[in-house]
Protein backbone atom coordinates (compact mmCIF):
# COMPACT_ATOMS: atom_id res chain seq x y z
CA UNK A 1 0.00 0.00 0.00
CA UNK A 2 1.25 3.46 -0.91
CA UNK A 3 0.90 6.38 1.49
CA UNK A 4 1.72 10.01 0.75
CA UNK A 5 2.34 12.38 3.68
CA UNK A 6 2.54 16.13 3.00
CA UNK A 7 4.25 18.85 5.01
CA UNK A 8 2.80 22.21 3.84
CA UNK A 9 4.77 25.48 3.60
CA UNK A 10 5.12 27.32 6.90
CA UNK A 11 6.88 30.24 8.53
CA UNK A 12 9.70 28.12 9.97
CA UNK A 13 11.78 25.66 8.00
CA UNK A 14 12.58 22.50 9.96
CA UNK A 15 11.91 18.79 9.92
CA UNK A 16 8.32 17.78 10.66
CA UNK A 17 9.06 15.09 13.24
CA UNK A 18 5.38 14.23 13.55
CA UNK A 19 5.29 13.13 9.90
CA UNK A 20 8.63 11.33 10.25
CA UNK A 21 7.32 9.25 13.14
CA UNK A 22 4.07 8.54 11.28
CA UNK A 23 5.89 7.57 8.10
CA UNK A 24 8.35 5.36 9.96
CA UNK A 25 5.53 3.47 11.72
CA UNK A 26 3.76 2.95 8.38
CA UNK A 27 6.95 1.76 6.69
CA UNK A 28 7.58 -0.70 9.51
CA UNK A 29 4.03 -2.01 8.94
CA UNK A 30 4.85 -2.73 5.27
CA UNK A 31 3.57 0.42 3.56
CA UNK A 32 5.41 2.32 0.84
CA UNK A 33 5.71 5.81 2.27
CA UNK A 34 6.77 9.15 0.82
CA UNK A 35 6.96 12.47 2.68
CA UNK A 36 6.45 15.38 0.30
CA UNK A 37 8.19 18.29 2.00
CA UNK A 38 6.82 21.58 0.65
CA UNK A 39 8.16 23.51 3.64
CA UNK A 40 11.92 23.01 3.47
CA UNK A 41 11.74 23.16 -0.33
CA UNK A 42 9.05 25.55 -1.57
CA UNK A 43 10.03 25.30 -5.24
CA UNK A 44 7.67 23.90 -7.92
CA UNK A 45 5.12 22.85 -5.33
CA UNK A 46 2.24 21.92 -7.65
CA UNK A 47 4.53 20.07 -10.06
CA UNK A 48 6.03 17.98 -7.26
CA UNK A 49 2.58 17.36 -5.76
CA UNK A 50 1.24 16.06 -9.07
CA UNK A 51 4.31 13.86 -9.53
CA UNK A 52 3.81 12.32 -6.08
CA UNK A 53 0.11 11.72 -6.76
CA UNK A 54 0.94 9.94 -10.02
CA UNK A 55 2.24 7.06 -7.93
CA UNK A 56 -1.44 6.49 -6.98
CA UNK A 57 -1.26 6.43 -3.17
CA UNK A 58 -4.20 4.85 -1.41
CA UNK A 59 -3.95 7.32 1.48
CA UNK A 60 -2.91 10.99 1.42
CA UNK A 61 -2.30 12.62 4.78
CA UNK A 62 -1.40 16.24 5.48
CA UNK A 63 -0.12 17.97 8.61
CA UNK A 64 -2.07 21.07 9.69
CA UNK A 65 -0.67 23.63 12.09
CA UNK A 66 -2.56 26.66 13.33
CA UNK A 67 -0.82 28.98 10.88
CA UNK A 68 -0.66 26.74 7.80
CA UNK A 69 -4.39 26.23 7.27
CA UNK A 70 -4.65 28.41 4.14
CA UNK A 71 -1.74 26.60 2.49
CA UNK A 72 -3.30 23.25 3.35
CA UNK A 73 -6.61 24.30 1.79
CA UNK A 74 -4.83 25.12 -1.49
CA UNK A 75 -2.86 21.88 -1.52
CA UNK A 76 -5.85 19.64 -0.81
CA UNK A 77 -7.93 21.46 -3.42
CA UNK A 78 -5.29 20.82 -6.12
CA UNK A 79 -4.66 17.24 -4.99
CA UNK A 80 -8.33 16.29 -4.84
CA UNK A 81 -8.99 17.63 -8.34
CA UNK A 82 -5.94 15.90 -9.81
CA UNK A 83 -6.31 12.59 -7.95
CA UNK A 84 -9.71 12.13 -6.25
CA UNK A 85 -9.33 8.36 -5.76
CA UNK A 86 -7.19 8.56 -2.59
CA UNK A 87 -8.46 8.56 0.98
CA UNK A 88 -7.66 12.08 2.23
CA UNK A 89 -7.06 12.82 5.89
CA UNK A 90 -5.45 15.48 8.08
CA UNK A 91 -3.78 15.56 11.47
CA UNK A 92 -1.57 17.82 13.52
CA UNK A 93 -2.01 20.53 16.16
CA UNK A 94 -4.79 22.45 14.41
CA UNK A 95 -6.83 19.28 13.87
CA UNK A 96 -6.43 18.10 17.47
CA UNK A 97 -7.46 21.49 18.87
CA UNK A 98 -10.28 22.39 16.45
CA UNK A 99 -11.51 18.85 15.64
CA UNK A 100 -14.80 18.71 13.70
CA UNK A 101 -14.51 22.35 12.65
CA UNK A 102 -11.70 21.28 10.31
CA UNK A 103 -14.20 19.46 8.07
CA UNK A 104 -15.87 22.81 7.40
CA UNK A 105 -12.51 24.47 6.74
CA UNK A 106 -11.30 21.66 4.44
CA UNK A 107 -14.43 19.94 3.07
CA UNK A 108 -12.44 17.65 0.73
CA UNK A 109 -11.16 15.57 3.65
CA UNK A 110 -12.46 12.07 4.36
CA UNK A 111 -11.19 11.78 7.93
CA UNK A 112 -9.23 13.43 10.74
CA UNK A 113 -6.57 12.03 13.04
CA UNK A 114 -6.97 13.58 16.48
CA UNK A 115 -3.99 13.26 18.83
CA UNK A 116 -1.01 11.04 18.01
CA UNK A 117 -1.40 9.04 14.84
CA UNK A 118 1.25 6.31 14.56
CA UNK A 119 -1.00 3.40 15.53
CA UNK A 120 -4.12 5.13 14.22
CA UNK A 121 -2.72 5.40 10.68
CA UNK A 122 -1.33 1.86 10.64
CA UNK A 123 -4.74 0.52 11.68
CA UNK A 124 -6.52 2.66 9.07
CA UNK A 125 -4.25 1.52 6.25
CA UNK A 126 -4.74 -2.14 7.13
CA UNK A 127 -8.52 -1.67 7.19
CA UNK A 128 -8.50 0.10 3.81
CA UNK A 129 -6.28 -2.55 2.28
CA UNK A 130 -8.53 -5.30 3.56
CA UNK A 131 -11.60 -3.29 2.50
CA UNK A 132 -13.08 -3.39 5.98
CA UNK A 133 -15.74 -1.00 7.15
CA UNK A 134 -14.26 2.10 8.76
CA UNK A 135 -15.53 3.32 12.10
CA UNK A 136 -14.79 6.52 14.00
CA UNK A 137 -12.98 6.25 17.31
CA UNK A 138 -9.55 5.79 18.90
CA UNK A 139 -8.19 8.94 17.29
CA UNK A 140 -9.75 8.50 13.81
CA UNK A 141 -12.91 10.39 12.90
CA UNK A 142 -14.78 10.12 9.60
CA UNK A 143 -16.46 13.06 7.91
CA UNK A 144 -19.93 11.65 8.51
CA UNK A 145 -19.25 11.84 12.25
CA UNK A 146 -18.07 15.46 12.27
CA UNK A 147 -20.82 16.37 14.74
CA UNK A 148 -19.65 13.85 17.36
CA UNK A 149 -17.27 14.63 20.25
CA UNK A 150 -13.78 13.55 19.24
CA UNK A 151 -11.41 12.00 21.77
CA UNK A 152 -7.72 12.24 21.03
CA UNK A 153 -5.52 9.14 21.04
CA UNK A 154 -2.13 9.25 22.76
CA UNK A 155 0.56 6.60 22.63
CA UNK A 156 1.19 5.15 26.10
CA UNK A 157 4.50 3.35 25.48
CA UNK A 158 6.80 5.58 23.45
CA UNK A 159 9.59 2.97 23.44
CA UNK A 160 7.40 0.76 21.25
CA UNK A 161 7.59 3.29 18.43
CA UNK A 162 10.38 2.76 15.89
CA UNK A 163 13.28 5.21 15.66
CA UNK A 164 12.68 7.89 13.00
CA UNK A 165 13.61 6.94 9.42
CA UNK A 166 14.54 9.99 7.32
CA UNK A 167 14.98 8.06 4.08
CA UNK A 168 11.23 8.30 3.43
CA UNK A 169 11.55 11.97 2.41
CA UNK A 170 11.23 12.96 -1.23
CA UNK A 171 14.93 13.48 -1.97
CA UNK A 172 15.54 16.09 -4.66
CA UNK A 173 18.78 18.04 -4.74
CA UNK A 174 17.49 20.91 -2.62
CA UNK A 175 15.99 18.69 0.07
CA UNK A 176 18.93 16.31 0.23
CA UNK A 177 21.22 19.19 1.15
CA UNK A 178 18.69 20.84 3.47
CA UNK A 179 17.85 17.67 5.39
CA UNK A 180 21.53 16.78 5.73
CA UNK A 181 22.12 20.22 7.31
CA UNK A 182 19.16 19.86 9.67
CA UNK A 183 20.23 16.39 10.78
CA UNK A 184 23.71 17.59 11.71
CA UNK A 185 21.90 19.45 14.49
CA UNK A 186 19.86 16.38 15.33
CA UNK A 187 16.28 16.84 16.65
CA UNK A 188 15.57 14.59 19.63
CA UNK A 189 12.21 14.05 21.33
CA UNK A 190 12.48 12.31 24.70
CA UNK A 191 8.92 12.74 26.00
CA UNK A 192 5.42 13.84 25.07
CA UNK A 193 2.69 15.68 26.93
CA UNK A 194 2.67 18.18 29.79
CA UNK A 195 0.73 18.01 33.07
CA UNK A 196 0.90 21.74 33.81
CA UNK A 197 -2.04 24.08 33.30
CA UNK A 198 -0.51 27.30 31.94
CA UNK A 199 -3.56 29.16 30.66
CA UNK A 200 -1.97 30.39 27.39
CA UNK A 201 -0.48 27.06 26.29
CA UNK A 202 -2.05 24.55 23.87
CA UNK A 203 0.49 21.75 24.47
CA UNK A 204 -1.86 19.95 26.85
CA UNK A 205 -4.57 20.02 24.19
CA UNK A 206 -2.25 18.84 21.41
CA UNK A 207 0.00 16.32 23.17
CA UNK A 208 -2.10 15.43 26.20
CA UNK A 209 -1.91 16.35 29.87
CA UNK A 210 -0.33 13.03 30.78
CA UNK A 211 3.46 13.19 30.56
CA UNK A 212 4.96 10.13 28.87
CA UNK A 213 8.68 9.50 28.55
CA UNK A 214 11.02 7.32 26.56
CA UNK A 215 13.58 5.23 28.40
CA UNK A 216 17.13 6.51 28.73
CA UNK A 217 18.36 3.40 26.91
CA UNK A 218 16.25 4.15 23.83
CA UNK A 219 17.52 7.74 23.73
CA UNK A 220 21.18 6.74 23.93
CA UNK A 221 20.63 4.05 21.29
CA UNK A 222 19.06 6.60 18.95
CA UNK A 223 21.96 9.02 19.32
CA UNK A 224 24.55 6.27 18.80
CA UNK A 225 22.78 5.12 15.62
CA UNK A 226 22.24 8.63 14.24
CA UNK A 227 25.80 9.71 14.95
CA UNK A 228 27.07 6.79 12.92
CA UNK A 229 24.48 7.24 10.16
CA UNK A 230 24.42 11.04 9.77
CA UNK A 231 27.71 12.12 11.41
CA UNK A 232 25.83 14.36 13.83
CA UNK A 233 27.95 16.61 16.04
CA UNK A 234 25.21 18.01 18.26
CA UNK A 235 21.55 17.53 19.08
CA UNK A 236 18.66 19.65 20.31
CA UNK A 237 15.99 18.44 22.73
CA UNK A 238 12.57 19.46 21.45
CA UNK A 239 10.43 18.29 24.36
CA UNK A 240 7.69 20.49 25.75
CA UNK A 241 8.62 19.37 29.28
CA UNK A 242 12.13 17.91 29.22
CA UNK A 243 12.92 18.33 32.92
CA UNK A 244 9.70 16.84 34.34
CA UNK A 245 11.60 13.87 35.84
CA UNK A 246 14.95 15.14 37.12
CA UNK A 247 16.33 11.67 37.94
CA UNK A 248 15.64 10.49 34.40
CA UNK A 249 17.57 13.44 32.94
CA UNK A 250 20.46 12.78 35.31
CA UNK A 251 20.58 9.17 34.06
CA UNK A 252 20.42 10.43 30.47
CA UNK A 253 23.35 12.79 31.03
CA UNK A 254 25.36 10.07 32.75
CA UNK A 255 24.62 7.78 29.79
CA UNK A 256 25.99 10.37 27.38
CA UNK A 257 29.14 10.65 29.49
CA UNK A 258 29.60 6.88 29.83
CA UNK A 259 29.15 6.30 26.09
CA UNK A 260 31.65 9.07 25.31
CA UNK A 261 29.49 10.36 22.46
CA UNK A 262 31.12 13.80 22.62
CA UNK A 263 27.99 15.52 21.37
CA UNK A 264 27.12 19.10 22.19
CA UNK A 265 23.45 19.67 22.93
CA UNK A 266 20.94 22.33 23.95
CA UNK A 267 17.29 22.89 24.84
CA UNK A 268 15.72 25.53 22.54
CA UNK A 269 12.08 24.91 23.47
CA UNK A 270 12.27 26.04 27.06
CA UNK A 271 12.73 24.14 30.32
CA UNK A 272 11.17 24.76 33.73
CA UNK A 273 13.64 26.49 36.05
CA UNK A 274 11.84 25.09 39.10
CA UNK A 275 12.94 21.58 38.10
CA UNK A 276 16.66 22.38 38.25
CA UNK A 277 19.13 21.53 40.99
CA UNK A 278 22.91 21.91 41.06
CA UNK A 279 23.61 18.21 40.51
CA UNK A 280 21.39 18.10 37.42
CA UNK A 281 22.86 21.30 35.96
CA UNK A 282 26.42 20.01 36.46
CA UNK A 283 25.61 16.70 34.80
CA UNK A 284 23.97 18.51 31.89
CA UNK A 285 27.07 20.64 31.41
CA UNK A 286 29.47 17.70 31.76
CA UNK A 287 27.49 15.70 29.18
CA UNK A 288 27.71 18.49 26.57
CA UNK A 289 24.78 20.83 27.24
CA UNK A 290 25.84 24.38 26.51
CA UNK A 291 22.57 26.34 26.29
CA UNK A 292 19.00 26.25 27.58
CA UNK A 293 15.96 28.44 27.15
CA UNK A 294 13.77 28.97 30.20
CA UNK A 295 10.05 29.68 29.99
CA UNK A 296 9.72 32.72 32.27
CA UNK A 297 6.71 34.41 30.61
CA UNK A 298 6.51 37.44 32.91
CA UNK A 299 8.78 39.19 35.37
CA UNK A 300 5.86 40.64 37.32
CA UNK A 301 4.69 38.42 40.24
CA UNK A 302 0.96 39.12 39.87
CA UNK A 303 0.96 38.47 36.13
CA UNK A 304 2.96 35.26 36.58
CA UNK A 305 0.46 34.12 39.20
CA UNK A 306 -2.42 34.77 36.79
CA UNK A 307 -1.09 32.37 34.13
CA UNK A 308 -1.10 29.36 36.49
CA UNK A 309 2.49 28.38 35.75
CA UNK A 310 2.90 26.99 39.24
CA UNK A 311 6.13 28.75 40.16
CA UNK A 312 7.46 32.09 41.40
CA UNK A 313 9.99 34.64 40.23
CA UNK A 314 12.30 33.71 43.11
CA UNK A 315 12.33 30.06 42.08
CA UNK A 316 12.89 30.97 38.42
CA UNK A 317 15.79 33.27 39.34
CA UNK A 318 17.35 30.50 41.45
CA UNK A 319 17.14 28.02 38.55
CA UNK A 320 18.68 30.53 36.15
CA UNK A 321 21.57 31.19 38.57
CA UNK A 322 22.25 27.46 38.92
CA UNK A 323 22.59 27.07 35.14
CA UNK A 324 24.84 30.13 34.98
CA UNK A 325 26.97 28.87 37.86
CA UNK A 326 27.92 25.67 36.03
CA UNK A 327 28.63 27.45 32.74
CA UNK A 328 25.45 26.84 30.74
CA UNK A 329 24.18 29.81 28.74
CA UNK A 330 20.62 30.78 29.60
CA UNK A 331 17.96 32.49 27.52
CA UNK A 332 14.46 33.44 28.55
CA UNK A 333 11.05 33.43 26.85
CA UNK A 334 8.67 36.25 27.78
CA UNK A 335 5.12 37.10 26.68
CA UNK A 336 3.66 40.58 26.41
CA UNK A 337 -0.04 41.04 27.20
CA UNK A 338 -0.82 38.22 29.64
CA UNK A 339 -3.92 38.61 31.84
CA UNK A 340 -3.42 41.35 34.41
CA UNK A 341 -0.60 42.95 32.52
CA UNK A 342 -0.27 46.69 31.86
CA UNK A 343 2.40 48.78 30.21
CA UNK A 344 3.98 49.58 33.58
CA UNK A 345 3.97 45.92 34.56
CA UNK A 346 5.67 45.02 31.27
CA UNK A 347 8.44 47.50 32.12
CA UNK A 348 8.85 45.67 35.46
CA UNK A 349 9.03 42.41 33.52
CA UNK A 350 11.78 43.81 31.30
CA UNK A 351 13.68 45.00 34.39
CA UNK A 352 13.41 41.52 35.91
CA UNK A 353 14.75 39.97 32.71
CA UNK A 354 17.73 42.31 32.78
CA UNK A 355 18.39 41.54 36.45
CA UNK A 356 18.86 37.86 35.54
CA UNK A 357 21.77 38.74 33.22
CA UNK A 358 20.45 36.35 30.57
CA UNK A 359 22.51 35.56 27.50
CA UNK A 360 19.41 36.18 25.39
CA UNK A 361 15.77 37.04 25.87
CA UNK A 362 12.90 36.66 23.43
CA UNK A 363 9.66 38.57 23.74
CA UNK A 364 6.48 37.62 21.92
CA UNK A 365 3.02 39.15 21.74
CA UNK A 366 0.38 37.04 23.43
CA UNK A 367 -1.67 34.90 21.02
CA UNK A 368 -4.85 33.30 22.43
CA UNK A 369 -5.27 29.77 21.05
CA UNK A 370 -8.73 28.16 20.74
CA UNK A 371 -9.49 25.69 23.50
CA UNK A 372 -7.07 27.15 26.05
CA UNK A 373 -8.10 28.70 29.35
CA UNK A 374 -6.82 32.00 28.01
CA UNK A 375 -9.27 31.74 25.11
CA UNK A 376 -12.14 31.21 27.55
CA UNK A 377 -10.88 34.08 29.72
CA UNK A 378 -10.79 36.37 26.69
CA UNK A 379 -14.27 35.39 25.49
CA UNK A 380 -15.67 36.28 28.91
CA UNK A 381 -13.89 39.65 28.94
CA UNK A 382 -15.14 40.46 25.44
CA UNK A 383 -18.73 39.67 26.51
CA UNK A 384 -18.30 41.94 29.53
CA UNK A 385 -16.82 44.61 27.22
CA UNK A 386 -13.62 44.67 29.25
CA UNK A 387 -11.62 43.48 26.23
CA UNK A 388 -11.83 43.87 22.47
CA UNK A 389 -10.79 41.45 19.74
CA UNK A 390 -8.71 43.31 17.16
CA UNK A 391 -8.02 40.56 14.60
CA UNK A 392 -8.06 36.81 13.97
CA UNK A 393 -5.64 34.93 16.21
CA UNK A 394 -3.83 33.51 13.14
CA UNK A 395 -2.55 37.00 12.35
CA UNK A 396 -0.70 37.18 15.61
CA UNK A 397 2.51 35.36 14.88
CA UNK A 398 5.25 36.18 12.42
CA UNK A 399 8.96 36.79 12.56
CA UNK A 400 10.68 39.95 11.41
CA UNK A 401 8.27 42.58 12.64
CA UNK A 402 6.14 43.88 15.47
CA UNK A 403 3.53 41.15 16.03
CA UNK A 404 0.10 42.80 15.93
CA UNK A 405 -1.85 42.38 19.19
CA UNK A 406 -4.84 40.09 18.81
CA UNK A 407 -6.82 41.88 21.51
CA UNK A 408 -6.64 44.78 23.92
CA UNK A 409 -8.08 45.40 27.37
CA UNK A 410 -9.20 48.55 29.11
CA UNK A 411 -5.97 48.59 31.12
CA UNK A 412 -3.63 47.73 28.25
CA UNK A 413 -4.39 49.21 24.82
CA UNK A 414 -3.17 48.04 21.44
CA UNK A 415 -0.77 51.00 21.16
CA UNK A 416 0.67 50.29 24.61
CA UNK A 417 1.20 46.62 23.75
CA UNK A 418 3.13 47.56 20.61
CA UNK A 419 5.17 50.07 22.56
CA UNK A 420 5.97 47.47 25.24
CA UNK A 421 7.21 45.08 22.56
CA UNK A 422 9.42 47.75 20.97
CA UNK A 423 10.84 48.79 24.35
CA UNK A 424 11.66 45.14 25.12
CA UNK A 425 13.56 44.98 21.83
CA UNK A 426 15.36 48.27 22.46
CA UNK A 427 16.47 47.37 25.95
CA UNK A 428 17.71 43.99 24.81
CA UNK A 429 19.45 45.40 21.71
CA UNK A 430 17.36 43.36 19.30
CA UNK A 431 16.24 46.21 17.10
CA UNK A 432 16.52 47.17 13.48
CA UNK A 433 15.83 50.48 11.87
CA UNK A 434 14.26 49.50 8.61
CA UNK A 435 16.03 50.81 5.57
CA UNK A 436 13.80 53.10 3.55
CA UNK A 437 13.83 53.06 -0.30
CA UNK A 438 16.95 54.83 -1.55
CA UNK A 439 18.42 55.10 1.94
CA UNK A 440 21.99 54.05 2.68
CA UNK A 441 22.97 51.63 5.42
CA UNK A 442 25.79 53.84 6.70
CA UNK A 443 26.40 53.57 10.47
CA UNK A 444 25.62 57.25 10.90
CA UNK A 445 22.21 56.80 9.27
CA UNK A 446 21.39 53.74 11.38
CA UNK A 447 22.58 55.47 14.54
CA UNK A 448 20.36 58.45 13.79
CA UNK A 449 17.32 56.27 13.30
CA UNK A 450 18.14 54.35 16.46
CA UNK A 451 18.23 57.55 18.50
CA UNK A 452 14.92 58.66 16.96
CA UNK A 453 13.33 55.35 17.94
CA UNK A 454 14.64 55.60 21.49
CA UNK A 455 13.37 59.19 21.68
CA UNK A 456 9.94 58.12 20.50
CA UNK A 457 9.48 55.02 22.67
CA UNK A 458 11.90 55.12 25.61
CA UNK A 459 13.35 58.64 25.88
CA UNK A 460 13.82 58.70 29.65
CA UNK A 461 16.54 56.08 29.31
CA UNK A 462 18.39 57.84 26.48
CA UNK A 463 21.54 58.38 28.63
CA UNK A 464 21.59 54.67 29.46
CA UNK A 465 21.49 53.74 25.77
CA UNK A 466 24.36 56.12 25.05
CA UNK A 467 26.41 54.58 27.84
CA UNK A 468 25.77 51.01 26.73
CA UNK A 469 26.35 51.81 23.09
CA UNK A 470 29.65 53.57 23.71
CA UNK A 471 31.12 51.61 26.59
CA UNK A 472 29.40 48.25 26.99
CA UNK A 473 27.81 46.97 23.80
CA UNK A 474 29.78 48.63 21.06
CA UNK A 475 28.47 48.27 17.50
CA UNK A 476 27.59 44.59 17.92
CA UNK A 477 23.93 44.87 18.83
CA UNK A 478 21.57 42.47 17.08
CA UNK A 479 19.14 43.63 14.40
CA UNK A 480 15.50 42.60 14.42
CA UNK A 481 13.51 43.92 11.46
CA UNK A 482 10.55 46.02 12.41
CA UNK A 483 8.67 46.11 9.14
CA UNK A 484 5.43 47.53 10.34
CA UNK A 485 4.02 50.56 12.07
CA UNK A 486 7.15 52.22 13.46
């Protein structure tokens, strides 16, 4: 049986590990599998899609994220017209969160996979091959049952899943080079799910509230195999909750040391600082970890309390100091516009971030995702006329500019939210003064624009900027393009 899996174009180029795991499970079950990657290679999309469909796959599956829906609609429309004989289905974060609504958004679909799909897809393919009657349930939902409540399926024993097989990608010249580059910095998933109830986060909806982990032995085996196969020199842990079980991570680090893999590694997705102790941090460093991102969210105690993160600023600061003490670089994730926040409170948050002496800090504008507690909170405030929706939530995320606020409240207007974002960029030297048509990029011109921006948004601290620019930072500040309303 032939199965075609499609990764649509998105804002961030990387390997779609969800599709890799799905494709590997199908291949192990005897299916012929091809992943059509339209994200890492956006060239000749329709031509490559038609070529893949000419192989006459029985099943065509596509991954749908919250911000790729429009691209998916175009792809399925072309595919269905060119090759209507296949069984078309969709899965991914958007499907798991929005469920039956997706049938209205993409009416050409025959079914949805809600939750994790390795076993679900294998079972479906066997039923189609044997021409058995299909029934909704256990993560698979047919179009005729779009009105029914859909329960997500989550894999209980992650060690039973096969190690990812990257040979199932469509390998043209562009992708071969791109995938080889991405695999050098190997993506590793050690667990799934998150038991915490942060009100803004959709991870619990997408991956489940029950935390499930792979064994240390399976992780070490994967790294040994992939180092030999792809000559990897470092890896990145992409878990949503890597440090949930501290003893497991200590064993993992000790395994890396004992095997003498000599791999550098880091945690770009954010770890919980309240799960860190000195022994763990030392083992992480000794085993090759050189950088972590910490999910801090807000540096104001009341705002942090509102998001139900289950920790305090004091605990976060302690965890950050422990990492710094052993020599691991630390970055922080922050969100502007959380419930209870105001412009003044965002300034306090920025001051807290600076007090931590982080190696990097990244600020994002709050995006309310459907199904989260934040979404419910916002709906209630809108009904009470204490908040106003400004635009669709899908417009709220993009790199290279000032993210437009999705909503505003009486205590924190749209203009103030934009200003808070710009001030966070200014104070962390992540700012760019967009080059106007015909303008030169001479340092004097950039410096002039920088001073104008400081004067407009943060003038009281102008002497501080001068001091840092001349004596501390020099000309090496980072540029972040602000393409919009500056």
